[in-house]
Amino acid sequence: MKTSAPSSNQAAASKPEPNSSADAPRTLRGLCWTMVTRGSPRILILLVLSAASYRLWLGQWSWRDALVPLAIALWWPFQEWLIHSYLLHFRPRRIGPLTIDFAQARKHRRHHLKPWDFSDLSIPLHTYLYAVPLLALLGYLGRDIPALWTGILCFVAFGLHYEWCHFMAHSNYVPKTALYKAIWRNHRLHHFKNETLWLGVSSRLGDRVLGTCPDQKTVERSP
């Protein structure tokens, strides 16, 4: 039986759309390359290297240099959860003739509509317009306080780790370790099962403590 050749429209439709899941990195090397070509990870890498260099130069290590990272590690999942829940998933509200709708929330809605669009994936660059000067001011005021610089280093390192986990969850690369595979699955459930749950991106601690990490089998897929 003779079949007709597909039309040009059919052939075009069979190809993956730009920024589709088929375009996402599949290897660890590809994921790393995609990440370092984006502005936010590049800024965070520079901040981590700068803070680490100054902290090493300061020296004067003490028990506080172990306590500060622990405190940040415990706080970070809840900070992440709060920002994701109340800022990124903020719904537009009308107050008289005015509509309140934050730029970060609009960006995040686009991200949910196009989860494979890596150009809309990372921390907004305008965030660094106030974050970097604040960190610089804090570092200048505490330039002789080693534990403070340990905190600055850990904070920007956790930010870079957040970006890594987010890029990883939206790629075709499947992590090898149980920890990162759980984080990867957690965020994909947020996108493809129910966007009101599984709000952690680089950690599941906030979800576990605040009750937004149920057994996926008990949750219906949201519209």
N, C-alpha and C. Protein backbone atom coordinates (compact mmCIF):
# COMPACT_ATOMS: atom_id res chain seq x y z
N MET A 1 0.85 -1.20 0.00
CA MET A 1 0.00 0.00 0.00
C MET A 1 0.88 1.23 0.00
N LYS A 2 0.60 2.13 -0.89
CA LYS A 2 1.43 3.31 -1.04
C LYS A 2 0.92 4.41 -0.12
N THR A 3 1.85 5.04 0.60
CA THR A 3 1.47 6.15 1.50
C THR A 3 2.02 7.44 0.95
N SER A 4 1.27 8.48 1.20
CA SER A 4 1.71 9.79 0.72
C SER A 4 2.74 10.37 1.66
N ALA A 5 3.63 11.18 1.12
CA ALA A 5 4.66 11.83 1.94
C ALA A 5 4.00 12.88 2.82
N PRO A 6 4.52 13.11 4.02
CA PRO A 6 3.93 14.12 4.89
C PRO A 6 4.09 15.51 4.30
N SER A 7 3.10 16.32 4.52
CA SER A 7 3.15 17.69 4.03
C SER A 7 4.18 18.47 4.82
N SER A 8 4.53 19.67 4.33
CA SER A 8 5.51 20.50 5.03
C SER A 8 5.00 20.90 6.40
N ASN A 9 3.67 21.13 6.51
CA ASN A 9 3.10 21.50 7.80
C ASN A 9 3.21 20.34 8.78
N GLN A 10 2.93 19.12 8.29
CA GLN A 10 3.02 17.95 9.16
C GLN A 10 4.47 17.72 9.60
N ALA A 11 5.40 17.92 8.68
CA ALA A 11 6.82 17.72 9.01
C ALA A 11 7.27 18.73 10.06
N ALA A 12 6.79 19.98 9.91
CA ALA A 12 7.17 21.01 10.88
C ALA A 12 6.58 20.69 12.25
N ALA A 13 5.34 20.16 12.24
CA ALA A 13 4.68 19.87 13.51
C ALA A 13 5.34 18.71 14.23
N SER A 14 6.01 17.82 13.47
CA SER A 14 6.63 16.67 14.10
C SER A 14 7.93 17.02 14.80
N LYS A 15 8.51 18.18 14.48
CA LYS A 15 9.75 18.61 15.11
C LYS A 15 9.45 19.26 16.45
N PRO A 16 10.37 19.13 17.43
CA PRO A 16 10.14 19.75 18.72
C PRO A 16 10.11 21.26 18.62
N GLU A 17 9.21 21.86 19.33
CA GLU A 17 9.14 23.31 19.37
C GLU A 17 10.37 23.86 20.11
N PRO A 18 10.79 25.08 19.81
CA PRO A 18 11.88 25.67 20.56
C PRO A 18 11.56 25.67 22.06
N ASN A 19 12.57 25.39 22.87
CA ASN A 19 12.40 25.36 24.33
C ASN A 19 11.46 24.25 24.78
N SER A 20 11.33 23.19 24.01
CA SER A 20 10.52 22.05 24.44
C SER A 20 11.39 21.11 25.26
N SER A 21 10.75 20.07 25.82
CA SER A 21 11.50 19.13 26.66
C SER A 21 12.60 18.43 25.86
N ALA A 22 12.39 18.27 24.56
CA ALA A 22 13.39 17.61 23.73
C ALA A 22 14.67 18.43 23.62
N ASP A 23 14.58 19.74 23.85
CA ASP A 23 15.76 20.61 23.75
C ASP A 23 16.55 20.68 25.05
N ALA A 24 15.99 20.19 26.14
CA ALA A 24 16.64 20.31 27.44
C ALA A 24 17.87 19.42 27.51
N PRO A 25 18.90 19.83 28.27
CA PRO A 25 20.14 19.03 28.37
C PRO A 25 19.87 17.62 28.88
N ARG A 26 20.64 16.66 28.37
CA ARG A 26 20.46 15.26 28.75
C ARG A 26 21.64 14.71 29.56
N THR A 27 22.75 15.42 29.53
CA THR A 27 23.95 14.94 30.22
C THR A 27 24.37 15.94 31.29
N LEU A 28 25.19 15.48 32.21
CA LEU A 28 25.70 16.35 33.27
C LEU A 28 26.53 17.48 32.66
N ARG A 29 27.33 17.16 31.67
CA ARG A 29 28.14 18.18 31.01
C ARG A 29 27.27 19.22 30.32
N GLY A 30 26.23 18.75 29.63
CA GLY A 30 25.33 19.67 28.95
C GLY A 30 24.58 20.55 29.92
N LEU A 31 24.20 19.98 31.07
CA LEU A 31 23.50 20.75 32.08
C LEU A 31 24.41 21.83 32.66
N CYS A 32 25.65 21.48 32.95
CA CYS A 32 26.62 22.45 33.48
C CYS A 32 26.84 23.59 32.49
N TRP A 33 26.99 23.23 31.21
CA TRP A 33 27.23 24.25 30.19
C TRP A 33 26.03 25.19 30.06
N THR A 34 24.84 24.62 30.03
CA THR A 34 23.63 25.44 29.92
C THR A 34 23.52 26.40 31.10
N MET A 35 23.86 25.91 32.28
CA MET A 35 23.75 26.73 33.48
C MET A 35 24.73 27.90 33.47
N VAL A 36 25.98 27.64 33.09
CA VAL A 36 26.98 28.71 33.16
C VAL A 36 26.86 29.71 32.02
N THR A 37 25.97 29.46 31.07
CA THR A 37 25.73 30.46 30.04
C THR A 37 24.65 31.44 30.44
N ARG A 38 24.05 31.26 31.63
CA ARG A 38 22.99 32.14 32.10
C ARG A 38 23.55 33.18 33.07
N GLY A 39 22.92 34.34 33.09
CA GLY A 39 23.43 35.46 33.88
C GLY A 39 23.46 35.22 35.37
N SER A 40 22.36 34.73 35.93
CA SER A 40 22.28 34.56 37.38
C SER A 40 23.32 33.58 37.92
N PRO A 41 23.46 32.37 37.35
CA PRO A 41 24.51 31.48 37.85
C PRO A 41 25.91 32.08 37.74
N ARG A 42 26.17 32.82 36.67
CA ARG A 42 27.47 33.45 36.51
C ARG A 42 27.74 34.45 37.64
N ILE A 43 26.72 35.25 37.97
CA ILE A 43 26.87 36.22 39.05
C ILE A 43 27.12 35.49 40.37
N LEU A 44 26.36 34.43 40.61
CA LEU A 44 26.51 33.69 41.86
C LEU A 44 27.88 33.01 41.96
N ILE A 45 28.37 32.48 40.86
CA ILE A 45 29.71 31.87 40.86
C ILE A 45 30.76 32.93 41.22
N LEU A 46 30.63 34.11 40.64
CA LEU A 46 31.57 35.21 40.94
C LEU A 46 31.47 35.61 42.41
N LEU A 47 30.25 35.68 42.94
CA LEU A 47 30.07 36.04 44.35
C LEU A 47 30.66 34.98 45.27
N VAL A 48 30.45 33.71 44.93
CA VAL A 48 31.01 32.62 45.75
C VAL A 48 32.53 32.69 45.76
N LEU A 49 33.15 32.87 44.60
CA LEU A 49 34.61 32.93 44.52
C LEU A 49 35.16 34.14 45.26
N SER A 50 34.47 35.27 45.15
CA SER A 50 34.93 36.49 45.83
C SER A 50 34.82 36.34 47.34
N ALA A 51 33.67 35.86 47.81
CA ALA A 51 33.47 35.70 49.25
C ALA A 51 34.41 34.65 49.83
N ALA A 52 34.63 33.55 49.10
CA ALA A 52 35.54 32.51 49.57
C ALA A 52 36.97 33.03 49.66
N SER A 53 37.39 33.83 48.68
CA SER A 53 38.74 34.37 48.69
C SER A 53 38.95 35.29 49.89
N TYR A 54 37.98 36.16 50.14
CA TYR A 54 38.13 37.10 51.27
C TYR A 54 38.07 36.36 52.60
N ARG A 55 37.18 35.35 52.69
CA ARG A 55 37.09 34.60 53.95
C ARG A 55 38.38 33.85 54.23
N LEU A 56 38.99 33.27 53.23
CA LEU A 56 40.27 32.57 53.42
C LEU A 56 41.37 33.55 53.81
N TRP A 57 41.32 34.73 53.24
CA TRP A 57 42.32 35.75 53.57
C TRP A 57 42.18 36.21 55.02
N LEU A 58 40.93 36.31 55.52
CA LEU A 58 40.70 36.74 56.90
C LEU A 58 41.25 35.73 57.90
N GLY A 59 41.07 34.45 57.62
CA GLY A 59 41.52 33.43 58.57
C GLY A 59 40.71 33.48 59.87
N GLN A 60 41.38 33.28 61.02
CA GLN A 60 40.75 33.35 62.35
C GLN A 60 39.54 32.42 62.44
N TRP A 61 39.73 31.15 62.14
CA TRP A 61 38.64 30.20 62.16
C TRP A 61 38.25 29.87 63.60
N SER A 62 36.96 29.66 63.83
CA SER A 62 36.47 29.34 65.18
C SER A 62 35.23 28.45 65.07
N TRP A 63 34.66 28.09 66.21
CA TRP A 63 33.46 27.26 66.24
C TRP A 63 32.29 27.94 65.56
N ARG A 64 32.32 29.26 65.50
CA ARG A 64 31.22 30.01 64.85
C ARG A 64 31.15 29.70 63.36
N ASP A 65 32.28 29.34 62.78
CA ASP A 65 32.31 29.03 61.36
C ASP A 65 31.62 27.70 61.04
N ALA A 66 31.33 26.92 62.06
CA ALA A 66 30.52 25.71 61.89
C ALA A 66 29.06 25.98 62.21
N LEU A 67 28.83 26.87 63.16
CA LEU A 67 27.46 27.18 63.59
C LEU A 67 26.69 27.99 62.54
N VAL A 68 27.36 28.96 61.94
CA VAL A 68 26.70 29.83 60.96
C VAL A 68 26.18 29.05 59.75
N PRO A 69 26.98 28.18 59.11
CA PRO A 69 26.44 27.39 57.99
C PRO A 69 25.28 26.50 58.39
N LEU A 70 25.34 25.96 59.61
CA LEU A 70 24.24 25.11 60.08
C LEU A 70 22.96 25.91 60.20
N ALA A 71 23.06 27.13 60.74
CA ALA A 71 21.88 27.99 60.89
C ALA A 71 21.29 28.36 59.52
N ILE A 72 22.15 28.68 58.57
CA ILE A 72 21.67 29.02 57.23
C ILE A 72 21.05 27.81 56.55
N ALA A 73 21.66 26.64 56.73
CA ALA A 73 21.12 25.41 56.14
C ALA A 73 19.74 25.08 56.68
N LEU A 74 19.51 25.37 57.96
CA LEU A 74 18.19 25.11 58.55
C LEU A 74 17.16 26.15 58.11
N TRP A 75 17.59 27.39 57.92
CA TRP A 75 16.66 28.46 57.53
C TRP A 75 16.33 28.42 56.05
N TRP A 76 17.29 28.06 55.22
CA TRP A 76 17.12 28.18 53.76
C TRP A 76 15.86 27.48 53.23
N PRO A 77 15.57 26.24 53.60
CA PRO A 77 14.37 25.58 53.04
C PRO A 77 13.08 26.33 53.34
N PHE A 78 13.01 26.99 54.50
CA PHE A 78 11.79 27.72 54.86
C PHE A 78 11.73 29.06 54.13
N GLN A 79 12.87 29.70 53.94
CA GLN A 79 12.92 30.91 53.12
C GLN A 79 12.46 30.60 51.71
N GLU A 80 12.98 29.51 51.17
CA GLU A 80 12.62 29.06 49.82
C GLU A 80 11.12 28.78 49.72
N TRP A 81 10.58 28.09 50.72
CA TRP A 81 9.16 27.74 50.74
C TRP A 81 8.29 28.99 50.80
N LEU A 82 8.65 29.95 51.65
CA LEU A 82 7.86 31.17 51.83
C LEU A 82 7.87 32.01 50.56
N ILE A 83 9.04 32.17 49.95
CA ILE A 83 9.13 32.96 48.72
C ILE A 83 8.33 32.30 47.60
N HIS A 84 8.47 30.98 47.48
CA HIS A 84 7.77 30.26 46.42
C HIS A 84 6.26 30.32 46.61
N SER A 85 5.81 30.15 47.85
CA SER A 85 4.38 30.09 48.12
C SER A 85 3.71 31.46 48.04
N TYR A 86 4.32 32.48 48.67
CA TYR A 86 3.63 33.76 48.83
C TYR A 86 4.04 34.84 47.84
N LEU A 87 5.23 34.73 47.24
CA LEU A 87 5.63 35.72 46.26
C LEU A 87 5.49 35.19 44.83
N LEU A 88 6.12 34.06 44.55
CA LEU A 88 6.11 33.54 43.19
C LEU A 88 4.73 33.06 42.76
N HIS A 89 3.95 32.56 43.71
CA HIS A 89 2.59 32.11 43.38
C HIS A 89 1.53 33.11 43.85
N PHE A 90 1.94 34.35 43.99
CA PHE A 90 1.00 35.43 44.32
C PHE A 90 0.03 35.62 43.16
N ARG A 91 -1.25 35.70 43.49
CA ARG A 91 -2.27 35.89 42.45
C ARG A 91 -2.64 37.38 42.37
N PRO A 92 -2.84 37.90 41.16
CA PRO A 92 -3.18 39.32 41.02
C PRO A 92 -4.42 39.69 41.83
N ARG A 93 -4.35 40.83 42.47
CA ARG A 93 -5.46 41.30 43.29
C ARG A 93 -5.81 42.73 42.92
N ARG A 94 -7.11 42.99 42.88
CA ARG A 94 -7.58 44.33 42.55
C ARG A 94 -7.96 45.07 43.81
N ILE A 95 -7.47 46.30 43.92
CA ILE A 95 -7.85 47.20 45.00
C ILE A 95 -8.36 48.46 44.32
N GLY A 96 -9.67 48.57 44.21
CA GLY A 96 -10.26 49.68 43.46
C GLY A 96 -9.85 49.59 42.00
N PRO A 97 -9.32 50.68 41.44
CA PRO A 97 -8.90 50.66 40.03
C PRO A 97 -7.52 50.03 39.82
N LEU A 98 -6.83 49.72 40.90
CA LEU A 98 -5.46 49.22 40.80
C LEU A 98 -5.41 47.70 40.84
N THR A 99 -4.48 47.13 40.11
CA THR A 99 -4.22 45.69 40.13
C THR A 99 -2.82 45.47 40.67
N ILE A 100 -2.72 44.71 41.74
CA ILE A 100 -1.42 44.38 42.32
C ILE A 100 -0.96 43.05 41.73
N ASP A 101 0.16 43.08 41.04
CA ASP A 101 0.71 41.87 40.43
C ASP A 101 2.21 42.05 40.31
N PHE A 102 2.96 41.33 41.13
CA PHE A 102 4.41 41.49 41.17
C PHE A 102 5.08 40.92 39.91
N ALA A 103 6.17 41.55 39.52
CA ALA A 103 6.92 41.08 38.34
C ALA A 103 7.40 39.65 38.52
N GLN A 104 7.85 39.31 39.75
CA GLN A 104 8.33 37.95 40.00
C GLN A 104 7.22 36.92 39.81
N ALA A 105 5.98 37.29 40.21
CA ALA A 105 4.85 36.38 40.07
C ALA A 105 4.49 36.20 38.60
N ARG A 106 4.54 37.29 37.84
CA ARG A 106 4.26 37.18 36.39
C ARG A 106 5.29 36.29 35.71
N LYS A 107 6.55 36.48 36.08
CA LYS A 107 7.62 35.66 35.51
C LYS A 107 7.41 34.19 35.86
N HIS A 108 6.98 33.94 37.09
CA HIS A 108 6.82 32.56 37.52
C HIS A 108 5.63 31.89 36.83
N ARG A 109 4.60 32.65 36.53
CA ARG A 109 3.47 32.08 35.78
C ARG A 109 3.92 31.70 34.37
N ARG A 110 4.76 32.53 33.77
CA ARG A 110 5.30 32.18 32.45
C ARG A 110 6.13 30.91 32.55
N HIS A 111 6.88 30.80 33.66
CA HIS A 111 7.72 29.61 33.87
C HIS A 111 6.87 28.35 33.95
N HIS A 112 5.71 28.43 34.60
CA HIS A 112 4.84 27.26 34.68
C HIS A 112 4.20 26.93 33.34
N LEU A 113 3.96 27.95 32.53
CA LEU A 113 3.38 27.71 31.21
C LEU A 113 4.42 27.11 30.26
N LYS A 114 5.68 27.50 30.44
CA LYS A 114 6.76 27.01 29.59
C LYS A 114 7.90 26.49 30.47
N PRO A 115 7.70 25.34 31.10
CA PRO A 115 8.72 24.86 32.06
C PRO A 115 10.04 24.48 31.43
N TRP A 116 10.09 24.33 30.11
CA TRP A 116 11.34 23.95 29.45
C TRP A 116 12.08 25.16 28.89
N ASP A 117 11.54 26.35 29.12
CA ASP A 117 12.18 27.56 28.62
C ASP A 117 13.28 27.99 29.58
N PHE A 118 14.51 27.67 29.26
CA PHE A 118 15.64 27.95 30.15
C PHE A 118 15.95 29.44 30.23
N SER A 119 15.44 30.23 29.30
CA SER A 119 15.68 31.68 29.35
C SER A 119 14.86 32.33 30.46
N ASP A 120 13.85 31.61 30.97
CA ASP A 120 12.97 32.17 32.00
C ASP A 120 13.05 31.34 33.28
N LEU A 121 14.21 30.71 33.50
CA LEU A 121 14.32 29.72 34.56
C LEU A 121 15.01 30.22 35.81
N SER A 122 16.02 31.05 35.66
CA SER A 122 16.87 31.40 36.79
C SER A 122 16.35 32.61 37.55
N ILE A 123 17.04 32.93 38.63
CA ILE A 123 16.68 34.08 39.46
C ILE A 123 16.72 35.34 38.60
N PRO A 124 15.69 36.20 38.66
CA PRO A 124 15.67 37.41 37.82
C PRO A 124 16.90 38.28 38.08
N LEU A 125 17.48 38.80 37.01
CA LEU A 125 18.70 39.59 37.16
C LEU A 125 18.48 40.86 37.97
N HIS A 126 17.27 41.42 37.92
CA HIS A 126 17.03 42.66 38.68
C HIS A 126 17.14 42.42 40.19
N THR A 127 17.03 41.16 40.62
CA THR A 127 17.19 40.85 42.03
C THR A 127 18.58 41.26 42.52
N TYR A 128 19.57 41.13 41.65
CA TYR A 128 20.95 41.43 42.06
C TYR A 128 21.21 42.93 42.14
N LEU A 129 20.32 43.74 41.57
CA LEU A 129 20.49 45.19 41.64
C LEU A 129 20.40 45.69 43.08
N TYR A 130 19.64 44.98 43.91
CA TYR A 130 19.60 45.37 45.32
C TYR A 130 20.30 44.34 46.23
N ALA A 131 20.35 43.07 45.80
CA ALA A 131 20.97 42.04 46.63
C ALA A 131 22.48 42.24 46.74
N VAL A 132 23.14 42.53 45.61
CA VAL A 132 24.60 42.69 45.63
C VAL A 132 25.01 43.92 46.44
N PRO A 133 24.39 45.10 46.25
CA PRO A 133 24.76 46.24 47.10
C PRO A 133 24.52 45.98 48.60
N LEU A 134 23.43 45.28 48.94
CA LEU A 134 23.18 44.97 50.34
C LEU A 134 24.26 44.05 50.91
N LEU A 135 24.64 43.04 50.14
CA LEU A 135 25.70 42.14 50.59
C LEU A 135 27.03 42.89 50.71
N ALA A 136 27.29 43.78 49.76
CA ALA A 136 28.54 44.56 49.79
C ALA A 136 28.57 45.47 51.01
N LEU A 137 27.44 46.11 51.32
CA LEU A 137 27.37 46.98 52.50
C LEU A 137 27.56 46.18 53.78
N LEU A 138 26.87 45.03 53.85
CA LEU A 138 27.00 44.17 55.02
C LEU A 138 28.44 43.69 55.17
N GLY A 139 29.05 43.29 54.07
CA GLY A 139 30.43 42.83 54.12
C GLY A 139 31.39 43.94 54.52
N TYR A 140 31.14 45.16 54.06
CA TYR A 140 32.02 46.28 54.41
C TYR A 140 31.92 46.61 55.89
N LEU A 141 30.68 46.65 56.40
CA LEU A 141 30.48 46.97 57.81
C LEU A 141 31.09 45.88 58.71
N GLY A 142 31.06 44.63 58.22
CA GLY A 142 31.60 43.53 59.01
C GLY A 142 32.87 42.97 58.42
N ARG A 143 33.67 43.85 57.83
CA ARG A 143 34.86 43.40 57.10
C ARG A 143 35.89 42.71 58.00
N ASP A 144 35.82 42.96 59.31
CA ASP A 144 36.76 42.34 60.24
C ASP A 144 36.11 41.23 61.07
N ILE A 145 34.91 40.79 60.66
CA ILE A 145 34.19 39.76 61.41
C ILE A 145 34.19 38.48 60.58
N PRO A 146 35.06 37.53 60.89
CA PRO A 146 35.17 36.32 60.06
C PRO A 146 33.87 35.53 59.95
N ALA A 147 33.14 35.38 61.05
CA ALA A 147 31.91 34.57 61.01
C ALA A 147 30.87 35.20 60.09
N LEU A 148 30.84 36.53 60.02
CA LEU A 148 29.91 37.20 59.11
C LEU A 148 30.24 36.85 57.66
N TRP A 149 31.52 36.82 57.33
CA TRP A 149 31.91 36.48 55.97
C TRP A 149 31.68 35.01 55.66
N THR A 150 31.76 34.18 56.70
CA THR A 150 31.37 32.78 56.51
C THR A 150 29.89 32.71 56.14
N GLY A 151 29.08 33.53 56.80
CA GLY A 151 27.65 33.57 56.50
C GLY A 151 27.37 34.07 55.09
N ILE A 152 28.07 35.13 54.67
CA ILE A 152 27.89 35.65 53.31
C ILE A 152 28.26 34.59 52.27
N LEU A 153 29.39 33.92 52.53
CA LEU A 153 29.83 32.85 51.62
C LEU A 153 28.79 31.75 51.53
N CYS A 154 28.28 31.30 52.66
CA CYS A 154 27.29 30.22 52.67
C CYS A 154 26.00 30.65 52.00
N PHE A 155 25.59 31.89 52.22
CA PHE A 155 24.32 32.35 51.65
C PHE A 155 24.37 32.37 50.12
N VAL A 156 25.45 32.89 49.55
CA VAL A 156 25.53 32.92 48.08
C VAL A 156 25.77 31.51 47.53
N ALA A 157 26.44 30.65 48.30
CA ALA A 157 26.64 29.26 47.87
C ALA A 157 25.31 28.51 47.84
N PHE A 158 24.46 28.77 48.83
CA PHE A 158 23.13 28.15 48.82
C PHE A 158 22.31 28.68 47.65
N GLY A 159 22.50 29.95 47.30
CA GLY A 159 21.81 30.49 46.12
C GLY A 159 22.24 29.79 44.85
N LEU A 160 23.53 29.53 44.73
CA LEU A 160 24.04 28.81 43.56
C LEU A 160 23.53 27.37 43.54
N HIS A 161 23.46 26.76 44.72
CA HIS A 161 22.93 25.40 44.81
C HIS A 161 21.45 25.36 44.41
N TYR A 162 20.70 26.39 44.80
CA TYR A 162 19.29 26.51 44.39
C TYR A 162 19.18 26.53 42.86
N GLU A 163 20.02 27.36 42.22
CA GLU A 163 19.98 27.44 40.77
C GLU A 163 20.32 26.09 40.14
N TRP A 164 21.31 25.40 40.69
CA TRP A 164 21.71 24.10 40.17
C TRP A 164 20.55 23.11 40.23
N CYS A 165 19.88 23.05 41.39
CA CYS A 165 18.76 22.11 41.55
C CYS A 165 17.62 22.46 40.62
N HIS A 166 17.38 23.75 40.40
CA HIS A 166 16.28 24.17 39.54
C HIS A 166 16.57 23.82 38.08
N PHE A 167 17.78 24.11 37.64
CA PHE A 167 18.15 23.75 36.27
C PHE A 167 18.09 22.24 36.09
N MET A 168 18.57 21.50 37.08
CA MET A 168 18.58 20.04 36.99
C MET A 168 17.16 19.48 36.86
N ALA A 169 16.22 20.03 37.63
CA ALA A 169 14.84 19.53 37.62
C ALA A 169 14.15 19.78 36.29
N HIS A 170 14.61 20.79 35.55
CA HIS A 170 13.98 21.11 34.27
C HIS A 170 14.77 20.58 33.07
N SER A 171 15.73 19.72 33.34
CA SER A 171 16.51 19.12 32.27
C SER A 171 16.08 17.67 32.06
N ASN A 172 16.69 17.03 31.10
CA ASN A 172 16.46 15.60 30.88
C ASN A 172 17.53 14.75 31.57
N TYR A 173 18.40 15.42 32.32
CA TYR A 173 19.41 14.69 33.07
C TYR A 173 18.79 14.16 34.36
N VAL A 174 18.92 12.88 34.62
CA VAL A 174 18.39 12.26 35.84
C VAL A 174 19.55 12.09 36.82
N PRO A 175 19.50 12.74 37.97
CA PRO A 175 20.61 12.63 38.93
C PRO A 175 20.82 11.20 39.41
N LYS A 176 22.05 10.91 39.80
CA LYS A 176 22.42 9.55 40.17
C LYS A 176 22.22 9.26 41.65
N THR A 177 22.38 10.28 42.51
CA THR A 177 22.29 10.05 43.95
C THR A 177 20.84 10.10 44.40
N ALA A 178 20.55 9.41 45.50
CA ALA A 178 19.18 9.35 46.02
C ALA A 178 18.71 10.73 46.47
N LEU A 179 19.60 11.52 47.07
CA LEU A 179 19.23 12.85 47.56
C LEU A 179 18.79 13.76 46.42
N TYR A 180 19.62 13.85 45.38
CA TYR A 180 19.28 14.75 44.28
C TYR A 180 18.14 14.20 43.43
N LYS A 181 18.01 12.90 43.37
CA LYS A 181 16.88 12.34 42.64
C LYS A 181 15.56 12.68 43.33
N ALA A 182 15.56 12.69 44.68
CA ALA A 182 14.37 13.06 45.43
C ALA A 182 14.03 14.53 45.23
N ILE A 183 15.05 15.40 45.23
CA ILE A 183 14.84 16.83 44.99
C ILE A 183 14.32 17.05 43.57
N TRP A 184 14.91 16.37 42.60
CA TRP A 184 14.50 16.44 41.20
C TRP A 184 13.04 16.04 41.03
N ARG A 185 12.65 14.93 41.66
CA ARG A 185 11.27 14.44 41.56
C ARG A 185 10.30 15.39 42.25
N ASN A 186 10.72 15.94 43.39
CA ASN A 186 9.87 16.84 44.17
C ASN A 186 9.44 18.05 43.34
N HIS A 187 10.40 18.64 42.63
CA HIS A 187 10.08 19.84 41.85
C HIS A 187 9.27 19.51 40.61
N ARG A 188 9.50 18.36 40.02
CA ARG A 188 8.72 17.97 38.85
C ARG A 188 7.27 17.67 39.24
N LEU A 189 7.06 17.16 40.43
CA LEU A 189 5.69 16.98 40.92
C LEU A 189 4.99 18.32 41.07
N HIS A 190 5.73 19.33 41.53
CA HIS A 190 5.17 20.68 41.66
C HIS A 190 4.70 21.20 40.32
N HIS A 191 5.45 20.92 39.26
CA HIS A 191 5.11 21.43 37.93
C HIS A 191 4.06 20.58 37.23
N PHE A 192 4.13 19.28 37.39
CA PHE A 192 3.32 18.41 36.54
C PHE A 192 2.26 17.59 37.29
N LYS A 193 2.13 17.84 38.61
CA LYS A 193 1.09 17.17 39.38
C LYS A 193 0.16 18.20 40.03
N ASN A 194 0.73 19.06 40.87
CA ASN A 194 -0.08 20.09 41.54
C ASN A 194 0.82 21.23 41.98
N GLU A 195 0.58 22.43 41.46
CA GLU A 195 1.47 23.57 41.69
C GLU A 195 1.32 24.19 43.08
N THR A 196 0.36 23.71 43.88
CA THR A 196 0.22 24.23 45.24
C THR A 196 1.00 23.39 46.25
N LEU A 197 1.62 22.32 45.79
CA LEU A 197 2.35 21.41 46.67
C LEU A 197 3.80 21.29 46.20
N TRP A 198 4.62 20.63 47.01
CA TRP A 198 6.03 20.39 46.67
C TRP A 198 6.73 21.69 46.28
N LEU A 199 6.76 22.63 47.23
CA LEU A 199 7.25 23.98 46.96
C LEU A 199 8.75 24.12 47.13
N GLY A 200 9.41 23.13 47.69
CA GLY A 200 10.86 23.19 47.81
C GLY A 200 11.53 22.96 46.48
N VAL A 201 12.65 23.65 46.25
CA VAL A 201 13.39 23.51 44.99
C VAL A 201 14.74 22.84 45.23
N SER A 202 15.46 23.28 46.26
CA SER A 202 16.77 22.69 46.55
C SER A 202 16.77 21.84 47.81
N SER A 203 15.61 21.77 48.47
CA SER A 203 15.48 20.96 49.68
C SER A 203 14.02 20.59 49.87
N ARG A 204 13.78 19.46 50.51
CA ARG A 204 12.42 19.03 50.80
C ARG A 204 12.05 19.26 52.26
N LEU A 205 12.97 19.84 53.05
CA LEU A 205 12.72 20.02 54.48
C LEU A 205 11.51 20.90 54.74
N GLY A 206 11.40 22.03 54.03
CA GLY A 206 10.27 22.93 54.21
C GLY A 206 8.95 22.24 53.91
N ASP A 207 8.91 21.46 52.83
CA ASP A 207 7.70 20.73 52.46
C ASP A 207 7.32 19.71 53.53
N ARG A 208 8.31 19.03 54.05
CA ARG A 208 8.04 18.00 55.05
C ARG A 208 7.50 18.60 56.35
N VAL A 209 8.12 19.68 56.80
CA VAL A 209 7.71 20.31 58.06
C VAL A 209 6.35 21.00 57.91
N LEU A 210 6.12 21.65 56.77
CA LEU A 210 4.92 22.46 56.57
C LEU A 210 3.79 21.70 55.88
N GLY A 211 3.97 20.42 55.64
CA GLY A 211 2.88 19.58 55.17
C GLY A 211 2.53 19.71 53.71
N THR A 212 3.50 20.06 52.86
CA THR A 212 3.21 20.17 51.42
C THR A 212 3.97 19.13 50.62
N CYS A 213 4.22 17.99 51.25
CA CYS A 213 4.95 16.91 50.58
C CYS A 213 4.20 15.59 50.78
N PRO A 214 2.94 15.51 50.30
CA PRO A 214 2.16 14.29 50.51
C PRO A 214 2.58 13.17 49.57
N ASP A 215 2.04 12.01 49.80
CA ASP A 215 2.22 10.89 48.86
C ASP A 215 1.51 11.28 47.57
N GLN A 216 2.26 11.30 46.47
CA GLN A 216 1.67 11.77 45.21
C GLN A 216 0.47 10.95 44.77
N LYS A 217 0.37 9.70 45.22
CA LYS A 217 -0.75 8.85 44.84
C LYS A 217 -2.06 9.34 45.44
N THR A 218 -1.99 10.15 46.49
CA THR A 218 -3.19 10.67 47.15
C THR A 218 -3.61 12.03 46.60
N VAL A 219 -2.87 12.55 45.64
CA VAL A 219 -3.12 13.90 45.12
C VAL A 219 -3.60 13.81 43.68
N GLU A 220 -4.70 14.50 43.39
CA GLU A 220 -5.20 14.56 42.02
C GLU A 220 -4.43 15.61 41.24
N ARG A 221 -4.29 15.35 39.96
CA ARG A 221 -3.59 16.32 39.10
C ARG A 221 -4.44 17.59 38.98
N SER A 222 -3.81 18.73 39.19
CA SER A 222 -4.54 19.99 39.12
C SER A 222 -4.80 20.37 37.66
N PRO A 223 -5.79 21.24 37.41
CA PRO A 223 -6.06 21.65 36.02
C PRO A 223 -4.89 22.29 35.33
